[in-house]
PDB file of N, CA and C in Angstrom:
ATOM      1  N   MET A   1     254.327 279.596 133.857  1.00  0.00           N
ATOM      2  CA  MET A   1     254.232 278.198 134.242  1.00  0.00           C
ATOM      3  C   MET A   1     252.945 277.601 133.692  1.00  0.00           C
ATOM      4  N   GLN A   2     253.023 276.430 133.104  1.00  0.00           N
ATOM      5  CA  GLN A   2     251.867 275.801 132.487  1.00  0.00           C
ATOM      6  C   GLN A   2     250.985 275.155 133.543  1.00  0.00           C
ATOM      7  N   ASP A   3     249.675 275.292 133.354  1.00  0.00           N
ATOM      8  CA  ASP A   3     248.703 274.713 134.265  1.00  0.00           C
ATOM      9  C   ASP A   3     248.524 273.231 133.943  1.00  0.00           C
ATOM     10  N   ASN A   4     248.655 272.361 134.923  1.00  0.00           N
ATOM     11  CA  ASN A   4     248.502 270.920 134.696  1.00  0.00           C
ATOM     12  C   ASN A   4     247.090 270.521 134.313  1.00  0.00           C
ATOM     13  N   LYS A   5     246.104 271.380 134.562  1.00  0.00           N
ATOM     14  CA  LYS A   5     244.726 271.074 134.183  1.00  0.00           C
ATOM     15  C   LYS A   5     244.601 270.905 132.672  1.00  0.00           C
ATOM     16  N   ASN A   6     245.404 271.626 131.901  1.00  0.00           N
ATOM     17  CA  ASN A   6     245.346 271.530 130.444  1.00  0.00           C
ATOM     18  C   ASN A   6     245.724 270.144 129.945  1.00  0.00           C
ATOM     19  N   LEU A   7     246.582 269.458 130.667  1.00  0.00           N
ATOM     20  CA  LEU A   7     247.020 268.130 130.245  1.00  0.00           C
ATOM     21  C   LEU A   7     245.913 267.095 130.387  1.00  0.00           C
ATOM     22  N   ASP A   8     245.000 267.307 131.318  1.00  0.00           N
ATOM     23  CA  ASP A   8     243.919 266.357 131.566  1.00  0.00           C
ATOM     24  C   ASP A   8     242.557 266.947 131.228  1.00  0.00           C
ATOM     25  N   SER A   9     242.510 267.863 130.286  1.00  0.00           N
ATOM     26  CA  SER A   9     241.278 268.581 129.996  1.00  0.00           C
ATOM     27  C   SER A   9     240.295 267.813 129.126  1.00  0.00           C
ATOM     28  N   GLN A  10     240.643 266.610 128.680  1.00  0.00           N
ATOM     29  CA  GLN A  10     239.759 265.846 127.807  1.00  0.00           C
ATOM     30  C   GLN A  10     239.505 264.438 128.360  1.00  0.00           C
ATOM     31  N   PRO A  11     239.035 264.326 129.583  1.00  0.00           N
ATOM     32  CA  PRO A  11     238.880 262.981 130.163  1.00  0.00           C
ATOM     33  C   PRO A  11     237.832 262.130 129.441  1.00  0.00           C
ATOM     34  N   ASN A  12     236.874 262.730 128.759  1.00  0.00           N
ATOM     35  CA  ASN A  12     235.825 261.978 128.076  1.00  0.00           C
ATOM     36  C   ASN A  12     236.108 261.758 126.593  1.00  0.00           C
ATOM     37  N   ASN A  13     237.246 262.215 126.110  1.00  0.00           N
ATOM     38  CA  ASN A  13     237.606 262.045 124.710  1.00  0.00           C
ATOM     39  C   ASN A  13     238.274 260.676 124.538  1.00  0.00           C
ATOM     40  N   PRO A  14     237.638 259.744 123.792  1.00  0.00           N
ATOM     41  CA  PRO A  14     238.225 258.409 123.648  1.00  0.00           C
ATOM     42  C   PRO A  14     239.543 258.395 122.875  1.00  0.00           C
ATOM     43  N   LEU A  15     239.857 259.477 122.168  1.00  0.00           N
ATOM     44  CA  LEU A  15     241.109 259.554 121.415  1.00  0.00           C
ATOM     45  C   LEU A  15     242.217 260.269 122.185  1.00  0.00           C
ATOM     46  N   HIS A  16     241.898 260.758 123.377  1.00  0.00           N
ATOM     47  CA  HIS A  16     242.876 261.494 124.162  1.00  0.00           C
ATOM     48  C   HIS A  16     244.084 260.605 124.467  1.00  0.00           C
ATOM     49  N   GLY A  17     245.254 261.094 124.118  1.00  0.00           N
ATOM     50  CA  GLY A  17     246.487 260.376 124.385  1.00  0.00           C
ATOM     51  C   GLY A  17     246.897 259.399 123.286  1.00  0.00           C
ATOM     52  N   ILE A  18     246.072 259.270 122.248  1.00  0.00           N
ATOM     53  CA  ILE A  18     246.402 258.368 121.147  1.00  0.00           C
ATOM     54  C   ILE A  18     246.928 259.208 119.985  1.00  0.00           C
ATOM     55  N   ARG A  19     248.126 258.890 119.531  1.00  0.00           N
ATOM     56  CA  ARG A  19     248.741 259.660 118.455  1.00  0.00           C
ATOM     57  C   ARG A  19     248.152 259.261 117.106  1.00  0.00           C
ATOM     58  N   LEU A  20     248.123 260.210 116.186  1.00  0.00           N
ATOM     59  CA  LEU A  20     247.600 259.958 114.847  1.00  0.00           C
ATOM     60  C   LEU A  20     248.383 258.845 114.163  1.00  0.00           C
ATOM     61  N   VAL A  21     249.675 258.805 114.342  1.00  0.00           N
ATOM     62  CA  VAL A  21     250.487 257.753 113.720  1.00  0.00           C
ATOM     63  C   VAL A  21     250.061 256.377 114.230  1.00  0.00           C
ATOM     64  N   ASP A  22     249.725 256.273 115.506  1.00  0.00           N
ATOM     65  CA  ASP A  22     249.279 254.997 116.067  1.00  0.00           C
ATOM     66  C   ASP A  22     247.926 254.586 115.500  1.00  0.00           C
ATOM     67  N   ILE A  23     247.037 255.552 115.336  1.00  0.00           N
ATOM     68  CA  ILE A  23     245.731 255.285 114.741  1.00  0.00           C
ATOM     69  C   ILE A  23     245.904 254.774 113.318  1.00  0.00           C
ATOM     70  N   LEU A  24     246.707 255.469 112.547  1.00  0.00           N
ATOM     71  CA  LEU A  24     246.909 255.104 111.146  1.00  0.00           C
ATOM     72  C   LEU A  24     247.582 253.738 111.021  1.00  0.00           C
ATOM     73  N   GLU A  25     248.602 253.487 111.807  1.00  0.00           N
ATOM     74  CA  GLU A  25     249.285 252.197 111.752  1.00  0.00           C
ATOM     75  C   GLU A  25     248.340 251.058 112.135  1.00  0.00           C
ATOM     76  N   TYR A  26     247.480 251.289 113.102  1.00  0.00           N
ATOM     77  CA  TYR A  26     246.501 250.280 113.498  1.00  0.00           C
ATOM     78  C   TYR A  26     245.548 249.977 112.343  1.00  0.00           C
ATOM     79  N   LEU A  27     244.999 251.034 111.728  1.00  0.00           N
ATOM     80  CA  LEU A  27     244.045 250.838 110.632  1.00  0.00           C
ATOM     81  C   LEU A  27     244.693 250.153 109.433  1.00  0.00           C
ATOM     82  N   VAL A  28     245.928 250.495 109.127  1.00  0.00           N
ATOM     83  CA  VAL A  28     246.631 249.852 108.016  1.00  0.00           C
ATOM     84  C   VAL A  28     246.883 248.377 108.349  1.00  0.00           C
ATOM     85  N   ALA A  29     247.188 248.076 109.591  1.00  0.00           N
ATOM     86  CA  ALA A  29     247.404 246.682 109.989  1.00  0.00           C
ATOM     87  C   ALA A  29     246.113 245.877 109.882  1.00  0.00           C
ATOM     88  N   VAL A  30     244.990 246.490 110.242  1.00  0.00           N
ATOM     89  CA  VAL A  30     243.706 245.790 110.215  1.00  0.00           C
ATOM     90  C   VAL A  30     243.176 245.667 108.791  1.00  0.00           C
ATOM     91  N   TYR A  31     243.185 246.770 108.046  1.00  0.00           N
ATOM     92  CA  TYR A  31     242.537 246.808 106.739  1.00  0.00           C
ATOM     93  C   TYR A  31     243.491 246.759 105.551  1.00  0.00           C
ATOM     94  N   GLY A  32     244.695 247.269 105.713  1.00  0.00           N
ATOM     95  CA  GLY A  32     245.593 247.460 104.580  1.00  0.00           C
ATOM     96  C   GLY A  32     245.180 248.722 103.837  1.00  0.00           C
ATOM     97  N   PHE A  33     246.090 249.281 103.056  1.00  0.00           N
ATOM     98  CA  PHE A  33     245.783 250.533 102.358  1.00  0.00           C
ATOM     99  C   PHE A  33     244.672 250.371 101.328  1.00  0.00           C
ATOM    100  N   GLU A  34     244.614 249.220 100.661  1.00  0.00           N
ATOM    101  CA  GLU A  34     243.599 249.042  99.620  1.00  0.00           C
ATOM    102  C   GLU A  34     242.185 249.128 100.210  1.00  0.00           C
ATOM    103  N   GLU A  35     241.935 248.390 101.276  1.00  0.00           N
ATOM    104  CA  GLU A  35     240.610 248.421 101.909  1.00  0.00           C
ATOM    105  C   GLU A  35     240.364 249.762 102.583  1.00  0.00           C
ATOM    106  N   LEU A  36     241.387 250.333 103.166  1.00  0.00           N
ATOM    107  CA  LEU A  36     241.258 251.642 103.799  1.00  0.00           C
ATOM    108  C   LEU A  36     240.847 252.682 102.762  1.00  0.00           C
ATOM    109  N   GLY A  37     241.426 252.603 101.570  1.00  0.00           N
ATOM    110  CA  GLY A  37     241.063 253.508 100.486  1.00  0.00           C
ATOM    111  C   GLY A  37     239.641 253.322 100.007  1.00  0.00           C
ATOM    112  N   LYS A  38     239.114 252.106 100.134  1.00  0.00           N
ATOM    113  CA  LYS A  38     237.706 251.869  99.783  1.00  0.00           C
ATOM    114  C   LYS A  38     236.775 252.439 100.844  1.00  0.00           C
ATOM    115  N   ARG A  39     237.173 252.313 102.091  1.00  0.00           N
ATOM    116  CA  ARG A  39     236.345 252.805 103.193  1.00  0.00           C
ATOM    117  C   ARG A  39     236.388 254.325 103.317  1.00  0.00           C
ATOM    118  N   ILE A  40     237.564 254.901 103.071  1.00  0.00           N
ATOM    119  CA  ILE A  40     237.746 256.353 103.115  1.00  0.00           C
ATOM    120  C   ILE A  40     238.438 256.731 101.814  1.00  0.00           C
ATOM    121  N   ASN A  41     237.682 257.247 100.881  1.00  0.00           N
ATOM    122  CA  ASN A  41     238.192 257.514  99.539  1.00  0.00           C
ATOM    123  C   ASN A  41     238.978 258.826  99.501  1.00  0.00           C
ATOM    124  N   ILE A  42     240.248 258.719  99.885  1.00  0.00           N
ATOM    125  CA  ILE A  42     241.140 259.871  99.789  1.00  0.00           C
ATOM    126  C   ILE A  42     242.416 259.426  99.074  1.00  0.00           C
ATOM    127  N   ARG A  43     242.995 260.333  98.337  1.00  0.00           N
ATOM    128  CA  ARG A  43     244.125 260.040  97.462  1.00  0.00           C
ATOM    129  C   ARG A  43     245.308 259.411  98.197  1.00  0.00           C
ATOM    130  N   CYS A  44     245.583 259.868  99.407  1.00  0.00           N
ATOM    131  CA  CYS A  44     246.756 259.356 100.112  1.00  0.00           C
ATOM    132  C   CYS A  44     246.626 257.877 100.453  1.00  0.00           C
ATOM    133  N   PHE A  45     245.423 257.315 100.403  1.00  0.00           N
ATOM    134  CA  PHE A  45     245.224 255.890 100.627  1.00  0.00           C
ATOM    135  C   PHE A  45     245.158 255.108  99.316  1.00  0.00           C
ATOM    136  N   ASN A  46     244.868 255.790  98.215  1.00  0.00           N
ATOM    137  CA  ASN A  46     244.630 255.109  96.943  1.00  0.00           C
ATOM    138  C   ASN A  46     245.732 255.269  95.902  1.00  0.00           C
ATOM    139  N   HIS A  47     246.600 256.244  96.057  1.00  0.00           N
ATOM    140  CA  HIS A  47     247.645 256.494  95.064  1.00  0.00           C
ATOM    141  C   HIS A  47     249.005 256.497  95.756  1.00  0.00           C
ATOM    142  N   GLU A  48     249.795 255.463  95.528  1.00  0.00           N
ATOM    143  CA  GLU A  48     251.111 255.316  96.152  1.00  0.00           C
ATOM    144  C   GLU A  48     251.063 255.587  97.660  1.00  0.00           C
ATOM    145  N   PRO A  49     250.269 254.807  98.379  1.00  0.00           N
ATOM    146  CA  PRO A  49     250.088 255.084  99.804  1.00  0.00           C
ATOM    147  C   PRO A  49     251.320 254.766 100.648  1.00  0.00           C
ATOM    148  N   SER A  50     251.488 255.560 101.677  1.00  0.00           N
ATOM    149  CA  SER A  50     252.516 255.305 102.683  1.00  0.00           C
ATOM    150  C   SER A  50     252.062 255.961 103.983  1.00  0.00           C
ATOM    151  N   ILE A  51     252.591 255.506 105.074  1.00  0.00           N
ATOM    152  CA  ILE A  51     252.269 256.099 106.372  1.00  0.00           C
ATOM    153  C   ILE A  51     252.691 257.571 106.368  1.00  0.00           C
ATOM    154  N   LYS A  52     253.887 257.845 105.879  1.00  0.00           N
ATOM    155  CA  LYS A  52     254.431 259.210 105.899  1.00  0.00           C
ATOM    156  C   LYS A  52     253.556 260.181 105.103  1.00  0.00           C
ATOM    157  N   SER A  53     253.192 259.813 103.874  1.00  0.00           N
ATOM    158  CA  SER A  53     252.389 260.730 103.064  1.00  0.00           C
ATOM    159  C   SER A  53     250.977 260.873 103.626  1.00  0.00           C
ATOM    160  N   SER A  54     250.449 259.795 104.179  1.00  0.00           N
ATOM    161  CA  SER A  54     249.115 259.855 104.768  1.00  0.00           C
ATOM    162  C   SER A  54     249.100 260.754 105.995  1.00  0.00           C
ATOM    163  N   LEU A  55     250.114 260.637 106.836  1.00  0.00           N
ATOM    164  CA  LEU A  55     250.195 261.498 108.019  1.00  0.00           C
ATOM    165  C   LEU A  55     250.279 262.966 107.625  1.00  0.00           C
ATOM    166  N   LYS A  56     251.091 263.254 106.626  1.00  0.00           N
ATOM    167  CA  LYS A  56     251.243 264.641 106.172  1.00  0.00           C
ATOM    168  C   LYS A  56     249.899 265.205 105.731  1.00  0.00           C
ATOM    169  N   PHE A  57     249.144 264.429 104.951  1.00  0.00           N
ATOM    170  CA  PHE A  57     247.840 264.880 104.468  1.00  0.00           C
ATOM    171  C   PHE A  57     246.839 265.010 105.621  1.00  0.00           C
ATOM    172  N   LEU A  58     246.767 264.011 106.474  1.00  0.00           N
ATOM    173  CA  LEU A  58     245.781 264.009 107.555  1.00  0.00           C
ATOM    174  C   LEU A  58     246.025 265.121 108.570  1.00  0.00           C
ATOM    175  N   ARG A  59     247.276 265.486 108.776  1.00  0.00           N
ATOM    176  CA  ARG A  59     247.576 266.575 109.714  1.00  0.00           C
ATOM    177  C   ARG A  59     247.123 267.926 109.181  1.00  0.00           C
ATOM    178  N   LYS A  60     247.042 268.044 107.854  1.00  0.00           N
ATOM    179  CA  LYS A  60     246.633 269.319 107.236  1.00  0.00           C
ATOM    180  C   LYS A  60     245.144 269.367 106.908  1.00  0.00           C
ATOM    181  N   THR A  61     244.466 268.226 106.885  1.00  0.00           N
ATOM    182  CA  THR A  61     243.104 268.157 106.375  1.00  0.00           C
ATOM    183  C   THR A  61     242.178 267.597 107.441  1.00  0.00           C
ATOM    184  N   SER A  62     241.481 268.490 108.143  1.00  0.00           N
ATOM    185  CA  SER A  62     240.688 268.078 109.299  1.00  0.00           C
ATOM    186  C   SER A  62     239.536 267.140 108.943  1.00  0.00           C
ATOM    187  N   TRP A  63     238.871 267.340 107.799  1.00  0.00           N
ATOM    188  CA  TRP A  63     237.738 266.480 107.458  1.00  0.00           C
ATOM    189  C   TRP A  63     238.197 265.036 107.229  1.00  0.00           C
ATOM    190  N   ALA A  64     239.372 264.865 106.634  1.00  0.00           N
ATOM    191  CA  ALA A  64     239.898 263.522 106.388  1.00  0.00           C
ATOM    192  C   ALA A  64     240.345 262.884 107.703  1.00  0.00           C
ATOM    193  N   ARG A  65     240.968 263.666 108.551  1.00  0.00           N
ATOM    194  CA  ARG A  65     241.403 263.150 109.855  1.00  0.00           C
ATOM    195  C   ARG A  65     240.201 262.701 110.680  1.00  0.00           C
ATOM    196  N   GLU A  66     239.122 263.463 110.632  1.00  0.00           N
ATOM    197  CA  GLU A  66     237.915 263.100 111.367  1.00  0.00           C
ATOM    198  C   GLU A  66     237.357 261.765 110.873  1.00  0.00           C
ATOM    199  N   LYS A  67     237.396 261.529 109.572  1.00  0.00           N
ATOM    200  CA  LYS A  67     236.926 260.249 109.023  1.00  0.00           C
ATOM    201  C   LYS A  67     237.798 259.096 109.504  1.00  0.00           C
ATOM    202  N   VAL A  68     239.097 259.309 109.525  1.00  0.00           N
ATOM    203  CA  VAL A  68     240.032 258.282 109.995  1.00  0.00           C
ATOM    204  C   VAL A  68     239.789 258.003 111.483  1.00  0.00           C
ATOM    205  N   GLU A  69     239.611 259.046 112.261  1.00  0.00           N
ATOM    206  CA  GLU A  69     239.375 258.875 113.691  1.00  0.00           C
ATOM    207  C   GLU A  69     238.059 258.139 113.941  1.00  0.00           C
ATOM    208  N   ARG A  70     237.009 258.463 113.182  1.00  0.00           N
ATOM    209  CA  ARG A  70     235.724 257.768 113.334  1.00  0.00           C
ATOM    210  C   ARG A  70     235.858 256.282 112.999  1.00  0.00           C
ATOM    211  N   LEU A  71     236.579 255.968 111.924  1.00  0.00           N
ATOM    212  CA  LEU A  71     236.787 254.565 111.561  1.00  0.00           C
ATOM    213  C   LEU A  71     237.570 253.846 112.641  1.00  0.00           C
ATOM    214  N   TYR A  72     238.555 254.494 113.213  1.00  0.00           N
ATOM    215  CA  TYR A  72     239.340 253.899 114.289  1.00  0.00           C
ATOM    216  C   TYR A  72     238.443 253.578 115.483  1.00  0.00           C
ATOM    217  N   LEU A  73     237.624 254.540 115.886  1.00  0.00           N
ATOM    218  CA  LEU A  73     236.716 254.327 117.015  1.00  0.00           C
ATOM    219  C   LEU A  73     235.741 253.191 116.737  1.00  0.00           C
ATOM    220  N   LYS A  74     235.208 253.161 115.526  1.00  0.00           N
ATOM    221  CA  LYS A  74     234.272 252.105 115.136  1.00  0.00           C
ATOM    222  C   LYS A  74     234.972 250.749 115.148  1.00  0.00           C
ATOM    223  N   THR A  75     236.181 250.684 114.638  1.00  0.00           N
ATOM    224  CA  THR A  75     236.931 249.441 114.530  1.00  0.00           C
ATOM    225  C   THR A  75     237.328 248.904 115.908  1.00  0.00           C
ATOM    226  N   THR A  76     237.721 249.799 116.792  1.00  0.00           N
ATOM    227  CA  THR A  76     238.177 249.374 118.116  1.00  0.00           C
ATOM    228  C   THR A  76     237.033 249.222 119.113  1.00  0.00           C
ATOM    229  N   GLY A  77     235.871 249.753 118.764  1.00  0.00           N
ATOM    230  CA  GLY A  77     234.732 249.681 119.670  1.00  0.00           C
ATOM    231  C   GLY A  77     234.776 250.696 120.790  1.00  0.00           C
ATOM    232  N   LYS A  78     235.646 251.684 120.666  1.00  0.00           N
ATOM    233  CA  LYS A  78     235.733 252.742 121.682  1.00  0.00           C
ATOM    234  C   LYS A  78     234.642 253.767 121.453  1.00  0.00           C
ATOM    235  N   LYS A  79     234.189 254.389 122.521  1.00  0.00           N
ATOM    236  CA  LYS A  79     233.131 255.408 122.385  1.00  0.00           C
ATOM    237  C   LYS A  79     233.545 256.689 123.038  1.00  0.00           C
TER     238      LYS A  79
END
């Protein structure tokens, strides 16, 4: 049986409960892929960008995901 404490183990994490797809869709809506590619210089934003290809890359590449998450926090003003 799973312990319910694990579900609430990150109360101080501002990204807790926010899906990567939601973060990416928000940033694309605010900046567009062109500006996003200037702010975070990764191929999935600069060469034939799409939500699907970006998600695939970000799920496999922790350093890129961390940059996207930091930009999201900065953009939304969350801490």
